[in-house]
Amino acid sequence: MHSPFDKLREKPKPMPAYEPGSVTGSIALPASGWAAIMRGLLGRCARCGEARLFMRFLKPIPHCPHCGQDWTHQQADDFPAYVSIFVTGHLMAPLIIALTRSSSLSAAALLAIVLPLAMVLMIGLLQPAKGAIIALQWWFGMHGFRKERPELIPEADES
């Protein structure tokens, strides 16, 4: 007898190998680490660029439905938060300096501008930072990811 939970008990399909000429050879691996990071920043699968990387705000999907990449190896931990705080601080510092020098805002008005903006920036940068870090881990083959690079296809001799 089958239950609705049978599909949950099934083991995920193994990641298809990238072999030129195979069915999975059509997967467009990123040309460089920067391309993989850009896919991660946009919240897309770093391997194929087709599927979404996150199923919730900061929860990555376990396996890519398009290319089968296993994302359970990722270990971003607290690094996305550090990146988010670092970028927010560097974006907010010039703004705070400009607001305090050029305007005669009270401390309460300054806080009313700066604190919400800083919080929105930090929270808004968390998911792109985590996506980029996961993509970087995948690109360098860290934490159990298989290091994959696009194969250079030799050009046919036209002589």
Protein backbone atom coordinates (compact mmCIF):
# COMPACT_ATOMS: atom_id res chain seq x y z
CA MET A 1 0.00 0.00 0.00
CA HIS A 2 1.31 3.42 -0.94
CA SER A 3 1.17 6.45 1.30
CA PRO A 4 1.57 10.11 0.42
CA PHE A 5 4.85 10.10 2.36
CA ASP A 6 6.57 7.52 0.13
CA LYS A 7 8.10 10.25 -2.01
CA LEU A 8 9.58 11.88 1.08
CA ARG A 9 11.29 8.63 2.05
CA GLU A 10 12.89 8.17 -1.35
CA LYS A 11 16.53 9.07 -1.55
CA PRO A 12 17.29 12.09 -3.73
CA LYS A 13 18.57 11.38 -7.20
CA PRO A 14 22.35 11.58 -7.48
CA MET A 15 23.77 14.63 -9.17
CA PRO A 16 24.20 13.95 -12.87
CA ALA A 17 27.77 13.98 -14.08
CA TYR A 18 28.80 16.70 -16.48
CA GLU A 19 30.00 14.93 -19.56
CA PRO A 20 30.18 16.51 -23.00
CA GLY A 21 27.63 14.94 -25.28
CA SER A 22 25.50 13.51 -22.47
CA VAL A 23 21.96 14.57 -21.64
CA THR A 24 23.29 16.65 -18.76
CA GLY A 25 26.01 18.17 -20.94
CA SER A 26 23.52 20.91 -21.79
CA ILE A 27 23.87 22.37 -18.30
CA ALA A 28 25.57 25.72 -18.66
CA LEU A 29 28.21 25.72 -15.95
CA PRO A 30 29.41 29.21 -15.07
CA ALA A 31 32.49 30.30 -16.98
CA SER A 32 34.21 31.73 -13.91
CA GLY A 33 33.95 32.02 -10.16
CA TRP A 34 32.50 35.52 -10.59
CA ALA A 35 29.70 34.14 -12.77
CA ALA A 36 28.91 31.55 -10.08
CA ILE A 37 28.92 34.26 -7.41
CA MET A 38 26.57 36.40 -9.52
CA ARG A 39 24.17 33.47 -9.80
CA GLY A 40 24.31 33.08 -6.03
CA LEU A 41 23.78 36.81 -5.47
CA LEU A 42 20.64 36.59 -7.60
CA GLY A 43 19.40 33.61 -5.58
CA ARG A 44 19.80 31.12 -8.44
CA CYS A 45 21.48 27.71 -8.50
CA ALA A 46 25.21 28.35 -8.95
CA ARG A 47 25.61 25.24 -11.10
CA CYS A 48 22.85 25.67 -13.69
CA GLY A 49 21.49 29.17 -13.04
CA GLU A 50 17.94 27.97 -13.67
CA ALA A 51 16.33 27.03 -10.35
CA ARG A 52 15.92 29.09 -7.21
CA LEU A 53 18.57 28.53 -4.55
CA PHE A 54 16.38 29.32 -1.53
CA MET A 55 13.09 27.75 -0.51
CA ARG A 56 12.67 30.24 2.34
CA PHE A 57 14.43 33.47 3.19
CA LEU A 58 17.73 31.88 4.28
CA LYS A 59 16.97 28.16 3.84
CA PRO A 60 18.61 26.74 0.70
CA ILE A 61 16.88 24.02 -1.26
CA PRO A 62 18.29 20.55 -0.55
CA HIS A 63 18.65 19.64 -4.25
CA CYS A 64 18.32 21.67 -7.42
CA PRO A 65 15.25 20.45 -9.35
CA HIS A 66 16.89 21.36 -12.66
CA CYS A 67 20.43 19.97 -12.44
CA GLY A 68 20.26 17.77 -9.32
CA GLN A 69 23.01 19.63 -7.42
CA ASP A 70 23.03 18.69 -3.73
CA TRP A 71 23.11 21.90 -1.66
CA THR A 72 23.10 20.19 1.75
CA HIS A 73 26.92 20.43 1.87
CA GLN A 74 26.90 24.21 2.24
CA GLN A 75 28.30 25.64 5.46
CA ALA A 76 27.77 29.37 5.23
CA ASP A 77 27.17 29.63 9.01
CA ASP A 78 27.55 33.24 10.24
CA PHE A 79 29.66 34.54 7.36
CA PRO A 80 26.66 36.05 5.43
CA ALA A 81 25.79 38.11 8.51
CA TYR A 82 29.37 39.38 8.76
CA VAL A 83 29.37 40.29 5.06
CA SER A 84 26.00 42.03 5.43
CA ILE A 85 27.19 44.07 8.42
CA PHE A 86 30.47 44.94 6.69
CA VAL A 87 28.77 46.18 3.50
CA THR A 88 26.06 48.03 5.44
CA GLY A 89 28.66 49.79 7.55
CA HIS A 90 30.62 50.88 4.51
CA LEU A 91 27.48 52.17 2.79
CA MET A 92 26.09 53.89 5.87
CA ALA A 93 29.29 55.61 7.09
CA PRO A 94 29.45 58.21 4.27
CA LEU A 95 25.71 58.84 4.60
CA ILE A 96 25.96 59.41 8.34
CA ILE A 97 28.95 61.71 7.90
CA ALA A 98 27.12 63.69 5.20
CA LEU A 99 23.97 63.98 7.29
CA THR A 100 25.80 65.21 10.38
CA ARG A 101 27.97 67.74 8.51
CA SER A 102 25.58 69.28 5.99
CA SER A 103 22.31 69.39 7.90
CA SER A 104 21.21 70.55 11.27
CA LEU A 105 19.20 67.44 12.13
CA SER A 106 18.52 66.62 15.74
CA ALA A 107 19.84 63.38 17.17
CA ALA A 108 16.33 61.91 17.15
CA ALA A 109 15.80 62.80 13.49
CA LEU A 110 19.20 61.37 12.59
CA LEU A 111 18.38 58.12 14.39
CA ALA A 112 14.96 58.01 12.71
CA ILE A 113 16.71 58.07 9.33
CA VAL A 114 19.79 55.97 10.00
CA LEU A 115 18.48 53.05 12.08
CA PRO A 116 15.65 51.91 9.77
CA LEU A 117 17.86 52.31 6.71
CA ALA A 118 20.65 50.29 8.33
CA MET A 119 18.24 47.52 9.35
CA VAL A 120 16.69 47.33 5.87
CA LEU A 121 20.15 47.18 4.29
CA MET A 122 21.41 44.47 6.65
CA ILE A 123 18.34 42.26 6.26
CA GLY A 124 18.17 42.89 2.52
CA LEU A 125 21.80 41.89 2.02
CA LEU A 126 21.61 38.64 4.02
CA GLN A 127 20.13 36.41 1.31
CA PRO A 128 22.35 37.67 -1.55
CA ALA A 129 25.41 37.31 0.71
CA LYS A 130 24.45 33.75 1.65
CA GLY A 131 23.81 32.86 -2.00
CA ALA A 132 27.20 34.24 -3.02
CA ILE A 133 28.97 32.36 -0.24
CA ILE A 134 27.25 29.08 -1.12
CA ALA A 135 28.18 29.62 -4.78
CA LEU A 136 31.79 30.34 -3.79
CA GLN A 137 31.93 27.13 -1.74
CA TRP A 138 30.55 25.17 -4.70
CA TRP A 139 32.98 26.77 -7.17
CA PHE A 140 36.05 25.89 -5.08
CA GLY A 141 34.75 22.42 -4.14
CA MET A 142 34.64 23.10 -0.41
CA HIS A 143 32.76 21.07 2.25
CA GLY A 144 32.00 18.05 0.07
CA PHE A 145 31.01 19.84 -3.13
CA ARG A 146 32.47 18.42 -6.31
CA LYS A 147 34.72 20.93 -8.06
CA GLU A 148 33.36 21.38 -11.58
CA ARG A 149 34.63 23.55 -14.39
CA PRO A 150 33.22 23.98 -17.86
CA GLU A 151 35.21 21.98 -20.36
CA LEU A 152 36.85 23.96 -23.09
CA ILE A 153 35.56 22.59 -26.36
CA PRO A 154 38.41 22.37 -28.87
CA GLU A 155 37.62 24.04 -32.15
CA ALA A 156 37.54 21.82 -35.23
CA ASP A 157 40.42 22.28 -37.62
CA GLU A 158 39.28 24.03 -40.76
CA SER A 159 42.39 23.32 -42.78
